[in-house]
Amino acid sequence: MGKFEVKAANNGGFVFNLKAGNGEVIGVSEAYTTEDNCKAGIESVKKIAAGAPVEDQTVEGFETEKNPKFEVYKDKAGEFRFRLKAANGQIVMTGEGYKAKAGCMNGIESIKKNAPESPVVKVD
């Protein structure tokens, strides 16, 4: 089972990482001003991740999905990335860059599987 780790951000505020059972980071948050806001972001991810559709922006003529959703896109370096958007359109989690789209899709599936039941722990 995975876990959410809450920690102080380098520039102030708080961030969280979702780690898979093997300890690998599969998603990271934006910075939140307070720990409570950070934990509210985690609750949002837990609630929406499993049922969020995937909008694949790397294919021509992709179909736009309603929020909440995962968006798959290519970054400036040509790597595949994803972001999870809440119902209000805010980005609540992003993934690392992947050379292959299959790796990116596996990251999304790992979040869908791990997020709903993962405990929240604070780390220093």
PDB file of N, CA and C in Angstrom:
ATOM      1  N   MET A   1       0.839  -1.185   0.000  1.00  0.00           N
ATOM      2  CA  MET A   1       0.000   0.000   0.000  1.00  0.00           C
ATOM      3  C   MET A   1       0.879   1.241   0.000  1.00  0.00           C
ATOM      4  N   GLY A   2       0.381   2.281  -0.640  1.00  0.00           N
ATOM      5  CA  GLY A   2       1.113   3.529  -0.697  1.00  0.00           C
ATOM      6  C   GLY A   2       0.877   4.379   0.538  1.00  0.00           C
ATOM      7  N   LYS A   3       1.424   5.592   0.494  1.00  0.00           N
ATOM      8  CA  LYS A   3       1.195   6.545   1.582  1.00  0.00           C
ATOM      9  C   LYS A   3       1.413   7.960   1.069  1.00  0.00           C
ATOM     10  N   PHE A   4       0.687   8.891   1.689  1.00  0.00           N
ATOM     11  CA  PHE A   4       0.885  10.307   1.437  1.00  0.00           C
ATOM     12  C   PHE A   4       1.848  10.826   2.486  1.00  0.00           C
ATOM     13  N   GLU A   5       2.886  11.519   2.055  1.00  0.00           N
ATOM     14  CA  GLU A   5       3.830  12.129   2.985  1.00  0.00           C
ATOM     15  C   GLU A   5       3.679  13.650   2.901  1.00  0.00           C
ATOM     16  N   VAL A   6       3.390  14.261   4.044  1.00  0.00           N
ATOM     17  CA  VAL A   6       3.273  15.712   4.147  1.00  0.00           C
ATOM     18  C   VAL A   6       4.579  16.242   4.715  1.00  0.00           C
ATOM     19  N   LYS A   7       5.119  17.282   4.088  1.00  0.00           N
ATOM     20  CA  LYS A   7       6.358  17.866   4.603  1.00  0.00           C
ATOM     21  C   LYS A   7       6.395  19.356   4.318  1.00  0.00           C
ATOM     22  N   ALA A   8       7.236  20.048   5.070  1.00  0.00           N
ATOM     23  CA  ALA A   8       7.431  21.481   4.856  1.00  0.00           C
ATOM     24  C   ALA A   8       8.128  21.687   3.519  1.00  0.00           C
ATOM     25  N   ALA A   9       7.671  22.677   2.774  1.00  0.00           N
ATOM     26  CA  ALA A   9       8.288  23.008   1.492  1.00  0.00           C
ATOM     27  C   ALA A   9       9.527  23.862   1.720  1.00  0.00           C
ATOM     28  N   ASN A  10      10.450  23.817   0.784  1.00  0.00           N
ATOM     29  CA  ASN A  10      11.693  24.589   0.895  1.00  0.00           C
ATOM     30  C   ASN A  10      11.439  26.086   0.966  1.00  0.00           C
ATOM     31  N   ASN A  11      10.421  26.557   0.270  1.00  0.00           N
ATOM     32  CA  ASN A  11      10.139  27.992   0.213  1.00  0.00           C
ATOM     33  C   ASN A  11       9.006  28.396   1.159  1.00  0.00           C
ATOM     34  N   GLY A  12       8.754  27.582   2.169  1.00  0.00           N
ATOM     35  CA  GLY A  12       7.647  27.843   3.087  1.00  0.00           C
ATOM     36  C   GLY A  12       6.413  27.084   2.653  1.00  0.00           C
ATOM     37  N   GLY A  13       5.466  26.931   3.541  1.00  0.00           N
ATOM     38  CA  GLY A  13       4.267  26.190   3.212  1.00  0.00           C
ATOM     39  C   GLY A  13       4.491  24.696   3.326  1.00  0.00           C
ATOM     40  N   PHE A  14       3.597  23.932   2.697  1.00  0.00           N
ATOM     41  CA  PHE A  14       3.631  22.471   2.791  1.00  0.00           C
ATOM     42  C   PHE A  14       3.331  21.846   1.440  1.00  0.00           C
ATOM     43  N   VAL A  15       3.887  20.653   1.231  1.00  0.00           N
ATOM     44  CA  VAL A  15       3.637  19.855   0.031  1.00  0.00           C
ATOM     45  C   VAL A  15       3.392  18.410   0.455  1.00  0.00           C
ATOM     46  N   PHE A  16       2.818  17.627  -0.462  1.00  0.00           N
ATOM     47  CA  PHE A  16       2.706  16.200  -0.208  1.00  0.00           C
ATOM     48  C   PHE A  16       3.199  15.413  -1.412  1.00  0.00           C
ATOM     49  N   ASN A  17       3.689  14.218  -1.123  1.00  0.00           N
ATOM     50  CA  ASN A  17       4.059  13.238  -2.134  1.00  0.00           C
ATOM     51  C   ASN A  17       3.200  12.011  -1.908  1.00  0.00           C
ATOM     52  N   LEU A  18       2.754  11.379  -2.979  1.00  0.00           N
ATOM     53  CA  LEU A  18       2.119  10.071  -2.874  1.00  0.00           C
ATOM     54  C   LEU A  18       3.170   9.058  -3.293  1.00  0.00           C
ATOM     55  N   LYS A  19       3.474   8.147  -2.379  1.00  0.00           N
ATOM     56  CA  LYS A  19       4.459   7.109  -2.661  1.00  0.00           C
ATOM     57  C   LYS A  19       3.758   5.768  -2.813  1.00  0.00           C
ATOM     58  N   ALA A  20       4.225   4.982  -3.767  1.00  0.00           N
ATOM     59  CA  ALA A  20       3.715   3.621  -3.957  1.00  0.00           C
ATOM     60  C   ALA A  20       4.257   2.737  -2.836  1.00  0.00           C
ATOM     61  N   GLY A  21       3.757   1.518  -2.777  1.00  0.00           N
ATOM     62  CA  GLY A  21       4.187   0.573  -1.752  1.00  0.00           C
ATOM     63  C   GLY A  21       5.680   0.316  -1.767  1.00  0.00           C
ATOM     64  N   ASN A  22       6.330   0.471  -2.937  1.00  0.00           N
ATOM     65  CA  ASN A  22       7.773   0.245  -3.045  1.00  0.00           C
ATOM     66  C   ASN A  22       8.584   1.492  -2.681  1.00  0.00           C
ATOM     67  N   GLY A  23       7.903   2.574  -2.255  1.00  0.00           N
ATOM     68  CA  GLY A  23       8.598   3.792  -1.848  1.00  0.00           C
ATOM     69  C   GLY A  23       8.832   4.789  -2.960  1.00  0.00           C
ATOM     70  N   GLU A  24       8.488   4.430  -4.192  1.00  0.00           N
ATOM     71  CA  GLU A  24       8.694   5.327  -5.327  1.00  0.00           C
ATOM     72  C   GLU A  24       7.629   6.429  -5.326  1.00  0.00           C
ATOM     73  N   VAL A  25       8.052   7.675  -5.555  1.00  0.00           N
ATOM     74  CA  VAL A  25       7.115   8.800  -5.636  1.00  0.00           C
ATOM     75  C   VAL A  25       6.361   8.704  -6.960  1.00  0.00           C
ATOM     76  N   ILE A  26       5.021   8.701  -6.873  1.00  0.00           N
ATOM     77  CA  ILE A  26       4.213   8.618  -8.088  1.00  0.00           C
ATOM     78  C   ILE A  26       3.429   9.900  -8.367  1.00  0.00           C
ATOM     79  N   GLY A  27       3.388  10.794  -7.399  1.00  0.00           N
ATOM     80  CA  GLY A  27       2.715  12.069  -7.608  1.00  0.00           C
ATOM     81  C   GLY A  27       3.124  13.070  -6.548  1.00  0.00           C
ATOM     82  N   VAL A  28       3.173  14.338  -6.933  1.00  0.00           N
ATOM     83  CA  VAL A  28       3.544  15.409  -6.007  1.00  0.00           C
ATOM     84  C   VAL A  28       2.522  16.533  -6.104  1.00  0.00           C
ATOM     85  N   SER A  29       2.403  17.284  -5.014  1.00  0.00           N
ATOM     86  CA  SER A  29       1.447  18.387  -4.984  1.00  0.00           C
ATOM     87  C   SER A  29       2.128  19.703  -5.302  1.00  0.00           C
ATOM     88  N   GLU A  30       1.297  20.692  -5.498  1.00  0.00           N
ATOM     89  CA  GLU A  30       1.744  22.073  -5.532  1.00  0.00           C
ATOM     90  C   GLU A  30       1.996  22.468  -4.077  1.00  0.00           C
ATOM     91  N   ALA A  31       2.574  23.628  -3.830  1.00  0.00           N
ATOM     92  CA  ALA A  31       2.790  24.105  -2.460  1.00  0.00           C
ATOM     93  C   ALA A  31       1.500  24.693  -1.899  1.00  0.00           C
ATOM     94  N   TYR A  32       1.227  24.378  -0.650  1.00  0.00           N
ATOM     95  CA  TYR A  32       0.068  24.907   0.071  1.00  0.00           C
ATOM     96  C   TYR A  32       0.585  25.841   1.166  1.00  0.00           C
ATOM     97  N   THR A  33      -0.193  26.845   1.503  1.00  0.00           N
ATOM     98  CA  THR A  33       0.254  27.813   2.506  1.00  0.00           C
ATOM     99  C   THR A  33       0.220  27.242   3.920  1.00  0.00           C
ATOM    100  N   THR A  34      -0.716  26.310   4.188  1.00  0.00           N
ATOM    101  CA  THR A  34      -0.816  25.725   5.528  1.00  0.00           C
ATOM    102  C   THR A  34      -0.864  24.207   5.451  1.00  0.00           C
ATOM    103  N   GLU A  35      -0.543  23.574   6.570  1.00  0.00           N
ATOM    104  CA  GLU A  35      -0.614  22.115   6.636  1.00  0.00           C
ATOM    105  C   GLU A  35      -2.050  21.633   6.470  1.00  0.00           C
ATOM    106  N   ASP A  36      -3.000  22.358   7.040  1.00  0.00           N
ATOM    107  CA  ASP A  36      -4.413  21.973   6.895  1.00  0.00           C
ATOM    108  C   ASP A  36      -4.859  22.018   5.438  1.00  0.00           C
ATOM    109  N   ASN A  37      -4.437  23.044   4.700  1.00  0.00           N
ATOM    110  CA  ASN A  37      -4.769  23.113   3.271  1.00  0.00           C
ATOM    111  C   ASN A  37      -4.130  21.963   2.507  1.00  0.00           C
ATOM    112  N   CYS A  38      -2.915  21.599   2.885  1.00  0.00           N
ATOM    113  CA  CYS A  38      -2.217  20.481   2.257  1.00  0.00           C
ATOM    114  C   CYS A  38      -2.998  19.183   2.483  1.00  0.00           C
ATOM    115  N   LYS A  39      -3.436  18.975   3.708  1.00  0.00           N
ATOM    116  CA  LYS A  39      -4.211  17.765   4.029  1.00  0.00           C
ATOM    117  C   LYS A  39      -5.561  17.768   3.310  1.00  0.00           C
ATOM    118  N   ALA A  40      -6.154  18.939   3.116  1.00  0.00           N
ATOM    119  CA  ALA A  40      -7.403  19.033   2.353  1.00  0.00           C
ATOM    120  C   ALA A  40      -7.153  18.641   0.889  1.00  0.00           C
ATOM    121  N   GLY A  41      -5.990  19.008   0.363  1.00  0.00           N
ATOM    122  CA  GLY A  41      -5.608  18.595  -0.994  1.00  0.00           C
ATOM    123  C   GLY A  41      -5.495  17.088  -1.108  1.00  0.00           C
ATOM    124  N   ILE A  42      -4.926  16.462  -0.086  1.00  0.00           N
ATOM    125  CA  ILE A  42      -4.818  14.997  -0.068  1.00  0.00           C
ATOM    126  C   ILE A  42      -6.207  14.374  -0.073  1.00  0.00           C
ATOM    127  N   GLU A  43      -7.113  14.903   0.745  1.00  0.00           N
ATOM    128  CA  GLU A  43      -8.480  14.371   0.792  1.00  0.00           C
ATOM    129  C   GLU A  43      -9.157  14.495  -0.565  1.00  0.00           C
ATOM    130  N   SER A  44      -8.886  15.578  -1.271  1.00  0.00           N
ATOM    131  CA  SER A  44      -9.431  15.752  -2.614  1.00  0.00           C
ATOM    132  C   SER A  44      -8.901  14.670  -3.551  1.00  0.00           C
ATOM    133  N   VAL A  45      -7.592  14.418  -3.498  1.00  0.00           N
ATOM    134  CA  VAL A  45      -7.000  13.374  -4.337  1.00  0.00           C
ATOM    135  C   VAL A  45      -7.611  12.019  -4.001  1.00  0.00           C
ATOM    136  N   LYS A  46      -7.739  11.716  -2.715  1.00  0.00           N
ATOM    137  CA  LYS A  46      -8.314  10.431  -2.298  1.00  0.00           C
ATOM    138  C   LYS A  46      -9.723  10.247  -2.859  1.00  0.00           C
ATOM    139  N   LYS A  47     -10.493  11.326  -2.856  1.00  0.00           N
ATOM    140  CA  LYS A  47     -11.890  11.264  -3.266  1.00  0.00           C
ATOM    141  C   LYS A  47     -12.045  11.142  -4.784  1.00  0.00           C
ATOM    142  N   ILE A  48     -11.198  11.820  -5.549  1.00  0.00           N
ATOM    143  CA  ILE A  48     -11.427  11.901  -6.998  1.00  0.00           C
ATOM    144  C   ILE A  48     -10.562  10.985  -7.857  1.00  0.00           C
ATOM    145  N   ALA A  49      -9.424  10.526  -7.333  1.00  0.00           N
ATOM    146  CA  ALA A  49      -8.446   9.830  -8.185  1.00  0.00           C
ATOM    147  C   ALA A  49      -8.989   8.576  -8.847  1.00  0.00           C
ATOM    148  N   ALA A  50      -9.630   7.707  -8.076  1.00  0.00           N
ATOM    149  CA  ALA A  50     -10.040   6.408  -8.616  1.00  0.00           C
ATOM    150  C   ALA A  50     -11.009   6.539  -9.785  1.00  0.00           C
ATOM    151  N   GLY A  51     -11.895   7.528  -9.742  1.00  0.00           N
ATOM    152  CA  GLY A  51     -12.904   7.654 -10.791  1.00  0.00           C
ATOM    153  C   GLY A  51     -12.625   8.704 -11.844  1.00  0.00           C
ATOM    154  N   ALA A  52     -11.488   9.380 -11.741  1.00  0.00           N
ATOM    155  CA  ALA A  52     -11.194  10.463 -12.691  1.00  0.00           C
ATOM    156  C   ALA A  52     -10.861   9.903 -14.072  1.00  0.00           C
ATOM    157  N   PRO A  53     -11.511  10.406 -15.118  1.00  0.00           N
ATOM    158  CA  PRO A  53     -11.165   9.966 -16.466  1.00  0.00           C
ATOM    159  C   PRO A  53      -9.820  10.536 -16.896  1.00  0.00           C
ATOM    160  N   VAL A  54      -9.274   9.986 -17.961  1.00  0.00           N
ATOM    161  CA  VAL A  54      -7.992  10.446 -18.502  1.00  0.00           C
ATOM    162  C   VAL A  54      -8.236  11.174 -19.815  1.00  0.00           C
ATOM    163  N   GLU A  55      -7.766  12.406 -19.877  1.00  0.00           N
ATOM    164  CA  GLU A  55      -7.823  13.202 -21.104  1.00  0.00           C
ATOM    165  C   GLU A  55      -6.429  13.166 -21.717  1.00  0.00           C
ATOM    166  N   ASP A  56      -6.289  12.451 -22.826  1.00  0.00           N
ATOM    167  CA  ASP A  56      -4.980  12.285 -23.459  1.00  0.00           C
ATOM    168  C   ASP A  56      -4.754  13.387 -24.477  1.00  0.00           C
ATOM    169  N   GLN A  57      -4.045  14.428 -24.050  1.00  0.00           N
ATOM    170  CA  GLN A  57      -3.809  15.581 -24.903  1.00  0.00           C
ATOM    171  C   GLN A  57      -2.681  15.362 -25.906  1.00  0.00           C
ATOM    172  N   THR A  58      -2.124  14.150 -25.915  1.00  0.00           N
ATOM    173  CA  THR A  58      -1.031  13.852 -26.851  1.00  0.00           C
ATOM    174  C   THR A  58      -1.556  13.305 -28.174  1.00  0.00           C
ATOM    175  N   VAL A  59      -2.848  13.043 -28.264  1.00  0.00           N
ATOM    176  CA  VAL A  59      -3.414  12.540 -29.515  1.00  0.00           C
ATOM    177  C   VAL A  59      -4.192  13.654 -30.202  1.00  0.00           C
ATOM    178  N   GLU A  60      -4.125  13.655 -31.521  1.00  0.00           N
ATOM    179  CA  GLU A  60      -4.806  14.688 -32.283  1.00  0.00           C
ATOM    180  C   GLU A  60      -6.320  14.527 -32.125  1.00  0.00           C
ATOM    181  N   GLY A  61      -7.008  15.644 -31.938  1.00  0.00           N
ATOM    182  CA  GLY A  61      -8.460  15.608 -31.819  1.00  0.00           C
ATOM    183  C   GLY A  61      -8.951  14.932 -30.546  1.00  0.00           C
ATOM    184  N   PHE A  62      -8.159  15.016 -29.467  1.00  0.00           N
ATOM    185  CA  PHE A  62      -8.544  14.361 -28.215  1.00  0.00           C
ATOM    186  C   PHE A  62      -9.887  14.889 -27.717  1.00  0.00           C
ATOM    187  N   GLU A  63     -10.595  14.034 -26.991  1.00  0.00           N
ATOM    188  CA  GLU A  63     -11.885  14.410 -26.432  1.00  0.00           C
ATOM    189  C   GLU A  63     -11.677  15.072 -25.070  1.00  0.00           C
ATOM    190  N   THR A  64     -12.255  16.245 -24.900  1.00  0.00           N
ATOM    191  CA  THR A  64     -12.136  16.980 -23.639  1.00  0.00           C
ATOM    192  C   THR A  64     -13.030  16.332 -22.590  1.00  0.00           C
ATOM    193  N   GLU A  65     -12.450  16.066 -21.418  1.00  0.00           N
ATOM    194  CA  GLU A  65     -13.195  15.497 -20.296  1.00  0.00           C
ATOM    195  C   GLU A  65     -13.529  16.605 -19.307  1.00  0.00           C
ATOM    196  N   LYS A  66     -14.585  16.394 -18.534  1.00  0.00           N
ATOM    197  CA  LYS A  66     -14.929  17.336 -17.470  1.00  0.00           C
ATOM    198  C   LYS A  66     -14.020  17.094 -16.277  1.00  0.00           C
ATOM    199  N   ASN A  67     -13.775  18.154 -15.496  1.00  0.00           N
ATOM    200  CA  ASN A  67     -13.041  18.005 -14.235  1.00  0.00           C
ATOM    201  C   ASN A  67     -13.957  17.315 -13.230  1.00  0.00           C
ATOM    202  N   PRO A  68     -13.434  16.523 -12.316  1.00  0.00           N
ATOM    203  CA  PRO A  68     -12.020  16.193 -12.129  1.00  0.00           C
ATOM    204  C   PRO A  68     -11.540  15.225 -13.204  1.00  0.00           C
ATOM    205  N   LYS A  69     -10.247  15.317 -13.514  1.00  0.00           N
ATOM    206  CA  LYS A  69      -9.676  14.471 -14.554  1.00  0.00           C
ATOM    207  C   LYS A  69      -8.162  14.447 -14.454  1.00  0.00           C
ATOM    208  N   PHE A  70      -7.589  13.411 -15.055  1.00  0.00           N
ATOM    209  CA  PHE A  70      -6.156  13.357 -15.299  1.00  0.00           C
ATOM    210  C   PHE A  70      -5.930  13.903 -16.695  1.00  0.00           C
ATOM    211  N   GLU A  71      -4.919  14.745 -16.862  1.00  0.00           N
ATOM    212  CA  GLU A  71      -4.528  15.215 -18.182  1.00  0.00           C
ATOM    213  C   GLU A  71      -3.141  14.649 -18.488  1.00  0.00           C
ATOM    214  N   VAL A  72      -3.025  14.007 -19.638  1.00  0.00           N
ATOM    215  CA  VAL A  72      -1.731  13.503 -20.115  1.00  0.00           C
ATOM    216  C   VAL A  72      -1.269  14.453 -21.215  1.00  0.00           C
ATOM    217  N   TYR A  73      -0.016  14.904 -21.114  1.00  0.00           N
ATOM    218  CA  TYR A  73       0.515  15.857 -22.082  1.00  0.00           C
ATOM    219  C   TYR A  73       2.018  15.633 -22.247  1.00  0.00           C
ATOM    220  N   LYS A  74       2.583  16.281 -23.274  1.00  0.00           N
ATOM    221  CA  LYS A  74       4.035  16.251 -23.478  1.00  0.00           C
ATOM    222  C   LYS A  74       4.606  17.590 -23.018  1.00  0.00           C
ATOM    223  N   ASP A  75       5.720  17.506 -22.262  1.00  0.00           N
ATOM    224  CA  ASP A  75       6.367  18.730 -21.802  1.00  0.00           C
ATOM    225  C   ASP A  75       7.337  19.249 -22.862  1.00  0.00           C
ATOM    226  N   LYS A  76       8.016  20.344 -22.561  1.00  0.00           N
ATOM    227  CA  LYS A  76       8.934  20.969 -23.525  1.00  0.00           C
ATOM    228  C   LYS A  76      10.093  20.060 -23.906  1.00  0.00           C
ATOM    229  N   ALA A  77      10.440  19.121 -23.002  1.00  0.00           N
ATOM    230  CA  ALA A  77      11.533  18.185 -23.285  1.00  0.00           C
ATOM    231  C   ALA A  77      11.055  16.969 -24.077  1.00  0.00           C
ATOM    232  N   GLY A  78       9.753  16.916 -24.381  1.00  0.00           N
ATOM    233  CA  GLY A  78       9.216  15.794 -25.143  1.00  0.00           C
ATOM    234  C   GLY A  78       8.833  14.587 -24.292  1.00  0.00           C
ATOM    235  N   GLU A  79       8.834  14.758 -22.960  1.00  0.00           N
ATOM    236  CA  GLU A  79       8.452  13.659 -22.075  1.00  0.00           C
ATOM    237  C   GLU A  79       6.962  13.718 -21.782  1.00  0.00           C
ATOM    238  N   PHE A  80       6.409  12.542 -21.479  1.00  0.00           N
ATOM    239  CA  PHE A  80       4.998  12.441 -21.136  1.00  0.00           C
ATOM    240  C   PHE A  80       4.825  12.737 -19.650  1.00  0.00           C
ATOM    241  N   ARG A  81       3.832  13.538 -19.329  1.00  0.00           N
ATOM    242  CA  ARG A  81       3.534  13.899 -17.940  1.00  0.00           C
ATOM    243  C   ARG A  81       2.027  13.837 -17.738  1.00  0.00           C
ATOM    244  N   PHE A  82       1.641  13.812 -16.460  1.00  0.00           N
ATOM    245  CA  PHE A  82       0.222  13.918 -16.144  1.00  0.00           C
ATOM    246  C   PHE A  82       0.022  14.905 -15.010  1.00  0.00           C
ATOM    247  N   ARG A  83      -1.188  15.433 -14.949  1.00  0.00           N
ATOM    248  CA  ARG A  83      -1.618  16.256 -13.831  1.00  0.00           C
ATOM    249  C   ARG A  83      -3.050  15.839 -13.502  1.00  0.00           C
ATOM    250  N   LEU A  84      -3.369  15.876 -12.220  1.00  0.00           N
ATOM    251  CA  LEU A  84      -4.720  15.587 -11.755  1.00  0.00           C
ATOM    252  C   LEU A  84      -5.373  16.913 -11.396  1.00  0.00           C
ATOM    253  N   LYS A  85      -6.506  17.185 -12.022  1.00  0.00           N
ATOM    254  CA  LYS A  85      -7.233  18.418 -11.747  1.00  0.00           C
ATOM    255  C   LYS A  85      -8.481  18.104 -10.931  1.00  0.00           C
ATOM    256  N   ALA A  86      -8.749  18.956  -9.941  1.00  0.00           N
ATOM    257  CA  ALA A  86      -9.943  18.827  -9.112  1.00  0.00           C
ATOM    258  C   ALA A  86     -11.162  19.331  -9.891  1.00  0.00           C
ATOM    259  N   ALA A  87     -12.333  19.182  -9.290  1.00  0.00           N
ATOM    260  CA  ALA A  87     -13.577  19.606  -9.937  1.00  0.00           C
ATOM    261  C   ALA A  87     -13.560  21.091 -10.297  1.00  0.00           C
ATOM    262  N   ASN A  88     -12.830  21.912  -9.511  1.00  0.00           N
ATOM    263  CA  ASN A  88     -12.760  23.352  -9.771  1.00  0.00           C
ATOM    264  C   ASN A  88     -11.671  23.712 -10.790  1.00  0.00           C
ATOM    265  N   GLY A  89     -10.989  22.720 -11.328  1.00  0.00           N
ATOM    266  CA  GLY A  89      -9.961  22.956 -12.339  1.00  0.00           C
ATOM    267  C   GLY A  89      -8.565  23.176 -11.793  1.00  0.00           C
ATOM    268  N   GLN A  90      -8.423  23.227 -10.470  1.00  0.00           N
ATOM    269  CA  GLN A  90      -7.091  23.410  -9.882  1.00  0.00           C
ATOM    270  C   GLN A  90      -6.287  22.110  -9.988  1.00  0.00           C
ATOM    271  N   ILE A  91      -4.993  22.263 -10.230  1.00  0.00           N
ATOM    272  CA  ILE A  91      -4.098  21.109 -10.267  1.00  0.00           C
ATOM    273  C   ILE A  91      -3.794  20.708  -8.827  1.00  0.00           C
ATOM    274  N   VAL A  92      -4.099  19.448  -8.478  1.00  0.00           N
ATOM    275  CA  VAL A  92      -3.847  18.979  -7.114  1.00  0.00           C
ATOM    276  C   VAL A  92      -2.673  18.003  -7.041  1.00  0.00           C
ATOM    277  N   MET A  93      -2.258  17.469  -8.196  1.00  0.00           N
ATOM    278  CA  MET A  93      -1.125  16.540  -8.203  1.00  0.00           C
ATOM    279  C   MET A  93      -0.541  16.471  -9.609  1.00  0.00           C
ATOM    280  N   THR A  94       0.782  16.327  -9.680  1.00  0.00           N
ATOM    281  CA  THR A  94       1.457  16.151 -10.959  1.00  0.00           C
ATOM    282  C   THR A  94       2.386  14.948 -10.876  1.00  0.00           C
ATOM    283  N   GLY A  95       2.737  14.439 -12.040  1.00  0.00           N
ATOM    284  CA  GLY A  95       3.660  13.308 -12.109  1.00  0.00           C
ATOM    285  C   GLY A  95       4.983  13.723 -12.715  1.00  0.00           C
ATOM    286  N   GLU A  96       5.942  12.827 -12.614  1.00  0.00           N
ATOM    287  CA  GLU A  96       7.256  13.060 -13.199  1.00  0.00           C
ATOM    288  C   GLU A  96       7.190  12.902 -14.708  1.00  0.00           C
ATOM    289  N   GLY A  97       8.287  13.204 -15.398  1.00  0.00           N
ATOM    290  CA  GLY A  97       8.364  13.005 -16.833  1.00  0.00           C
ATOM    291  C   GLY A  97       8.700  11.558 -17.163  1.00  0.00           C
ATOM    292  N   TYR A  98       8.033  11.024 -18.165  1.00  0.00           N
ATOM    293  CA  TYR A  98       8.262   9.650 -18.615  1.00  0.00           C
ATOM    294  C   TYR A  98       8.673   9.675 -20.083  1.00  0.00           C
ATOM    295  N   LYS A  99       9.639   8.850 -20.455  1.00  0.00           N
ATOM    296  CA  LYS A  99      10.072   8.757 -21.851  1.00  0.00           C
ATOM    297  C   LYS A  99       8.975   8.148 -22.719  1.00  0.00           C
ATOM    298  N   ALA A 100       8.240   7.160 -22.164  1.00  0.00           N
ATOM    299  CA  ALA A 100       7.189   6.469 -22.913  1.00  0.00           C
ATOM    300  C   ALA A 100       5.821   6.766 -22.317  1.00  0.00           C
ATOM    301  N   LYS A 101       4.820   6.885 -23.179  1.00  0.00           N
ATOM    302  CA  LYS A 101       3.469   7.152 -22.693  1.00  0.00           C
ATOM    303  C   LYS A 101       2.974   6.023 -21.804  1.00  0.00           C
ATOM    304  N   ALA A 102       3.377   4.803 -22.071  1.00  0.00           N
ATOM    305  CA  ALA A 102       2.941   3.666 -21.245  1.00  0.00           C
ATOM    306  C   ALA A 102       3.360   3.858 -19.784  1.00  0.00           C
ATOM    307  N   GLY A 103       4.555   4.388 -19.546  1.00  0.00           N
ATOM    308  CA  GLY A 103       5.016   4.646 -18.186  1.00  0.00           C
ATOM    309  C   GLY A 103       4.151   5.688 -17.500  1.00  0.00           C
ATOM    310  N   CYS A 104       3.772   6.716 -18.239  1.00  0.00           N
ATOM    311  CA  CYS A 104       2.902   7.767 -17.718  1.00  0.00           C
ATOM    312  C   CYS A 104       1.540   7.185 -17.351  1.00  0.00           C
ATOM    313  N   MET A 105       0.992   6.369 -18.224  1.00  0.00           N
ATOM    314  CA  MET A 105      -0.314   5.746 -17.967  1.00  0.00           C
ATOM    315  C   MET A 105      -0.242   4.808 -16.760  1.00  0.00           C
ATOM    316  N   ASN A 106       0.887   4.110 -16.610  1.00  0.00           N
ATOM    317  CA  ASN A 106       1.069   3.254 -15.429  1.00  0.00           C
ATOM    318  C   ASN A 106       1.098   4.090 -14.148  1.00  0.00           C
ATOM    319  N   GLY A 107       1.701   5.280 -14.210  1.00  0.00           N
ATOM    320  CA  GLY A 107       1.717   6.177 -13.062  1.00  0.00           C
ATOM    321  C   GLY A 107       0.308   6.579 -12.652  1.00  0.00           C
ATOM    322  N   ILE A 108      -0.525   6.885 -13.637  1.00  0.00           N
ATOM    323  CA  ILE A 108      -1.925   7.240 -13.353  1.00  0.00           C
ATOM    324  C   ILE A 108      -2.650   6.059 -12.710  1.00  0.00           C
ATOM    325  N   GLU A 109      -2.457   4.869 -13.268  1.00  0.00           N
ATOM    326  CA  GLU A 109      -3.124   3.690 -12.712  1.00  0.00           C
ATOM    327  C   GLU A 109      -2.664   3.426 -11.282  1.00  0.00           C
ATOM    328  N   SER A 110      -1.394   3.664 -11.010  1.00  0.00           N
ATOM    329  CA  SER A 110      -0.872   3.486  -9.651  1.00  0.00           C
ATOM    330  C   SER A 110      -1.533   4.470  -8.683  1.00  0.00           C
ATOM    331  N   ILE A 111      -1.744   5.696  -9.126  1.00  0.00           N
ATOM    332  CA  ILE A 111      -2.420   6.684  -8.274  1.00  0.00           C
ATOM    333  C   ILE A 111      -3.864   6.264  -8.039  1.00  0.00           C
ATOM    334  N   LYS A 112      -4.540   5.831  -9.099  1.00  0.00           N
ATOM    335  CA  LYS A 112      -5.932   5.399  -8.952  1.00  0.00           C
ATOM    336  C   LYS A 112      -6.037   4.252  -7.941  1.00  0.00           C
ATOM    337  N   LYS A 113      -5.052   3.379  -7.953  1.00  0.00           N
ATOM    338  CA  LYS A 113      -5.049   2.217  -7.060  1.00  0.00           C
ATOM    339  C   LYS A 113      -4.638   2.595  -5.637  1.00  0.00           C
ATOM    340  N   ASN A 114      -3.612   3.404  -5.497  1.00  0.00           N
ATOM    341  CA  ASN A 114      -3.025   3.696  -4.184  1.00  0.00           C
ATOM    342  C   ASN A 114      -3.702   4.827  -3.408  1.00  0.00           C
ATOM    343  N   ALA A 115      -4.130   5.874  -4.092  1.00  0.00           N
ATOM    344  CA  ALA A 115      -4.582   7.082  -3.398  1.00  0.00           C
ATOM    345  C   ALA A 115      -5.760   6.882  -2.443  1.00  0.00           C
ATOM    346  N   PRO A 116      -6.826   6.192  -2.846  1.00  0.00           N
ATOM    347  CA  PRO A 116      -8.012   6.182  -1.976  1.00  0.00           C
ATOM    348  C   PRO A 116      -7.786   5.650  -0.561  1.00  0.00           C
ATOM    349  N   GLU A 117      -6.916   4.667  -0.385  1.00  0.00           N
ATOM    350  CA  GLU A 117      -6.734   4.035   0.929  1.00  0.00           C
ATOM    351  C   GLU A 117      -5.411   4.359   1.611  1.00  0.00           C
ATOM    352  N   SER A 118      -4.597   5.173   0.973  1.00  0.00           N
ATOM    353  CA  SER A 118      -3.270   5.451   1.531  1.00  0.00           C
ATOM    354  C   SER A 118      -3.355   6.326   2.787  1.00  0.00           C
ATOM    355  N   PRO A 119      -2.613   5.949   3.829  1.00  0.00           N
ATOM    356  CA  PRO A 119      -2.579   6.782   5.026  1.00  0.00           C
ATOM    357  C   PRO A 119      -1.762   8.051   4.785  1.00  0.00           C
ATOM    358  N   VAL A 120      -1.953   9.021   5.668  1.00  0.00           N
ATOM    359  CA  VAL A 120      -1.240  10.292   5.603  1.00  0.00           C
ATOM    360  C   VAL A 120      -0.249  10.335   6.764  1.00  0.00           C
ATOM    361  N   VAL A 121       1.026  10.592   6.455  1.00  0.00           N
ATOM    362  CA  VAL A 121       2.045  10.693   7.484  1.00  0.00           C
ATOM    363  C   VAL A 121       2.817  12.004   7.287  1.00  0.00           C
ATOM    364  N   LYS A 122       3.272  12.566   8.399  1.00  0.00           N
ATOM    365  CA  LYS A 122       4.077  13.786   8.319  1.00  0.00           C
ATOM    366  C   LYS A 122       5.548  13.385   8.426  1.00  0.00           C
ATOM    367  N   VAL A 123       6.370  13.948   7.550  1.00  0.00           N
ATOM    368  CA  VAL A 123       7.804  13.675   7.583  1.00  0.00           C
ATOM    369  C   VAL A 123       8.555  14.986   7.778  1.00  0.00           C
ATOM    370  N   ASP A 124       9.757  14.879   8.321  1.00  0.00           N
ATOM    371  CA  ASP A 124      10.577  16.084   8.544  1.00  0.00           C
ATOM    372  C   ASP A 124      11.503  16.322   7.387  1.00  0.00           C
TER     373      ASP A 124
END
